[in-house]
Amino acid sequence: MNPLPFLPARVALSLLTATALAMGITASVQASARTASAAPPVVGTWNATFNDHGRLNPVLMLFHADGTLLMSGVNGDGTSLTLGQWRAAQNGAVAFEARILGAEKGRYVGQIHLRGSATPNGNRLIGTLGGEAVEPGGKVLFAWKGEAIKAFRVAPTAGQ
């Protein structure tokens, strides 16, 4: 018996098939979106140490899922806020670039340009960092590379 007496059986069967197919596609798309939106392993807050002329300085590194990188640290001159971005690299690593504004007695004196890479492994992050100090006119004052980054996760990412 046709539950929809005003529709021919073939039309009703076609509608039921199309509805079932649409529901299956929707469920598949939703599952794919959940999988695709899983945060990369580096996303989260990391408690790191950087070597500053022989002194180990604490630095908090915050990798956001949108590619934003924030770092806050303490060095011989006080505290700093570093802003940058990161992107996925090969083998689960990330590459990043960031900038620190430099000031002395309230006067802008240039920027530190940072570049590095790091690989998360569970609750550990290992990598290297380099960069250069640049005065306001663009002249590079000094540069370095190969500084070791060692960090431990402060807080798990959402869903862990």
Protein backbone atom coordinates (compact mmCIF):
# COMPACT_ATOMS: atom_id res chain seq x y z
CA MET A 1 0.00 0.00 0.00
CA ASN A 2 1.32 3.43 -0.97
CA PRO A 3 1.53 5.70 2.16
CA LEU A 4 1.18 8.72 -0.11
CA PRO A 5 -1.88 7.82 -2.23
CA PHE A 6 -1.63 10.95 -4.34
CA LEU A 7 1.93 10.05 -5.54
CA PRO A 8 2.72 7.17 -7.85
CA ALA A 9 4.76 4.39 -6.18
CA ARG A 10 7.87 5.15 -8.28
CA VAL A 11 7.85 8.83 -7.28
CA ALA A 12 7.42 7.94 -3.58
CA LEU A 13 10.26 5.39 -3.82
CA SER A 14 12.48 7.97 -5.55
CA LEU A 15 11.75 10.54 -2.83
CA LEU A 16 12.55 8.04 -0.06
CA THR A 17 15.81 7.02 -1.80
CA ALA A 18 16.85 10.66 -2.34
CA THR A 19 16.08 11.49 1.31
CA ALA A 20 18.12 8.54 2.59
CA LEU A 21 21.00 9.45 0.27
CA ALA A 22 20.93 13.10 1.39
CA MET A 23 20.97 12.04 5.05
CA GLY A 24 23.98 9.79 4.38
CA ILE A 25 25.87 12.55 2.56
CA THR A 26 25.11 15.03 5.36
CA ALA A 27 26.41 12.61 8.01
CA SER A 28 29.54 11.98 5.93
CA VAL A 29 30.20 15.72 5.48
CA GLN A 30 29.68 16.36 9.20
CA ALA A 31 32.12 13.54 10.10
CA SER A 32 34.68 14.92 7.64
CA ALA A 33 34.31 18.42 9.09
CA ARG A 34 34.91 17.07 12.61
CA THR A 35 38.03 15.21 11.45
CA ALA A 36 39.33 18.17 9.41
CA SER A 37 38.81 20.57 12.29
CA ALA A 38 40.94 18.56 14.73
CA ALA A 39 43.61 20.90 16.07
CA PRO A 40 47.21 20.27 14.96
CA PRO A 41 49.38 18.83 17.76
CA VAL A 42 51.24 22.12 18.29
CA VAL A 43 48.08 24.09 19.16
CA GLY A 44 48.13 25.12 22.80
CA THR A 45 50.39 26.77 25.37
CA TRP A 46 54.00 25.74 25.86
CA ASN A 47 56.43 26.66 28.65
CA ALA A 48 59.76 27.12 26.86
CA THR A 49 63.29 28.19 27.62
CA PHE A 50 65.44 30.19 25.23
CA ASN A 51 69.15 30.77 25.67
CA ASP A 52 69.93 34.53 25.80
CA HIS A 53 73.71 35.00 25.89
CA GLY A 54 74.16 32.09 28.27
CA ARG A 55 71.07 32.84 30.37
CA LEU A 56 68.05 30.58 30.09
CA ASN A 57 64.97 32.77 29.85
CA PRO A 58 61.44 31.48 30.39
CA VAL A 59 59.04 32.07 27.51
CA LEU A 60 55.37 31.13 27.13
CA MET A 61 54.50 30.21 23.54
CA LEU A 62 50.85 30.10 22.48
CA PHE A 63 50.10 28.49 19.11
CA HIS A 64 46.50 29.25 18.02
CA ALA A 65 44.67 26.96 15.57
CA ASP A 66 44.27 29.91 13.15
CA GLY A 67 48.07 30.17 12.69
CA THR A 68 48.63 33.01 15.17
CA LEU A 69 51.65 32.78 17.48
CA LEU A 70 51.98 34.75 20.73
CA MET A 71 55.05 34.61 22.96
CA SER A 72 55.65 36.32 26.28
CA GLY A 73 58.99 36.12 28.01
CA VAL A 74 61.35 37.51 30.59
CA ASN A 75 64.89 38.51 29.70
CA GLY A 76 67.66 40.65 31.16
CA ASP A 77 65.88 43.81 30.03
CA GLY A 78 62.43 42.99 31.42
CA THR A 79 59.50 41.37 29.70
CA SER A 80 58.56 41.12 26.05
CA LEU A 81 55.54 40.34 23.93
CA THR A 82 56.17 38.65 20.61
CA LEU A 83 53.58 38.39 17.82
CA GLY A 84 53.78 36.15 14.80
CA GLN A 85 52.39 33.32 12.76
CA TRP A 86 53.06 29.64 12.20
CA ARG A 87 52.32 27.10 9.50
CA ALA A 88 52.51 23.33 9.24
CA ALA A 89 55.76 21.97 7.83
CA GLN A 90 56.90 18.44 6.97
CA ASN A 91 56.75 15.47 9.36
CA GLY A 92 54.47 17.18 11.90
CA ALA A 93 56.82 20.12 12.44
CA VAL A 94 55.82 23.77 12.31
CA ALA A 95 57.69 26.78 10.93
CA PHE A 96 57.15 30.18 12.49
CA GLU A 97 58.07 33.85 12.18
CA ALA A 98 57.52 36.52 14.79
CA ARG A 99 58.43 40.11 15.72
CA ILE A 100 59.37 41.86 18.95
CA LEU A 101 59.35 45.64 19.16
CA GLY A 102 62.44 47.00 20.88
CA ALA A 103 62.44 50.05 23.16
CA GLU A 104 64.91 51.75 25.44
CA LYS A 105 63.58 54.20 28.01
CA GLY A 106 60.29 54.44 26.14
CA ARG A 107 61.91 55.12 22.74
CA TYR A 108 61.46 52.74 19.79
CA VAL A 109 64.86 51.32 18.76
CA GLY A 110 63.93 48.61 16.26
CA GLN A 111 62.67 45.06 16.01
CA ILE A 112 63.84 41.53 16.56
CA HIS A 113 62.80 39.28 13.67
CA LEU A 114 62.53 35.65 14.76
CA ARG A 115 62.36 32.55 12.55
CA GLY A 116 62.26 29.00 13.75
CA SER A 117 60.89 25.53 13.53
CA ALA A 118 59.67 23.12 16.15
CA THR A 119 58.26 19.62 16.37
CA PRO A 120 55.68 18.63 18.98
CA ASN A 121 55.97 15.15 20.44
CA GLY A 122 53.23 14.57 23.00
CA ASN A 123 53.80 17.09 25.78
CA ARG A 124 57.27 18.12 24.53
CA LEU A 125 58.27 20.63 21.85
CA ILE A 126 61.81 20.68 20.45
CA GLY A 127 63.14 23.09 17.84
CA THR A 128 65.56 25.78 16.78
CA LEU A 129 65.35 29.55 16.54
CA GLY A 130 67.27 32.29 14.80
CA GLY A 131 66.78 35.84 13.70
CA GLU A 132 68.18 39.32 13.55
CA ALA A 133 67.96 42.65 15.32
CA VAL A 134 66.97 45.41 12.92
CA GLU A 135 67.11 49.14 13.62
CA PRO A 136 64.22 51.43 12.54
CA GLY A 137 65.99 52.29 9.26
CA GLY A 138 66.27 48.60 8.32
CA LYS A 139 69.96 48.04 9.06
CA VAL A 140 70.68 44.61 10.57
CA LEU A 141 72.60 45.09 13.82
CA PHE A 142 73.30 41.40 14.49
CA ALA A 143 71.96 37.98 13.57
CA TRP A 144 72.03 34.48 15.00
CA LYS A 145 70.78 30.98 14.24
CA GLY A 146 70.63 27.54 15.77
CA GLU A 147 69.38 28.49 19.24
CA ALA A 148 67.70 25.50 20.88
CA ILE A 149 64.05 25.62 21.93
CA LYS A 150 62.86 23.16 24.57
CA ALA A 151 59.31 23.34 25.83
CA PHE A 152 56.67 21.44 27.75
CA ARG A 153 52.92 21.74 27.26
CA VAL A 154 51.24 23.92 29.88
CA ALA A 155 47.63 23.02 29.15
CA PRO A 156 46.19 20.32 26.91
CA THR A 157 44.40 21.38 23.79
CA ALA A 158 40.60 21.34 23.84
CA GLY A 159 39.20 17.84 23.65
CA GLN A 160 42.21 16.10 25.19
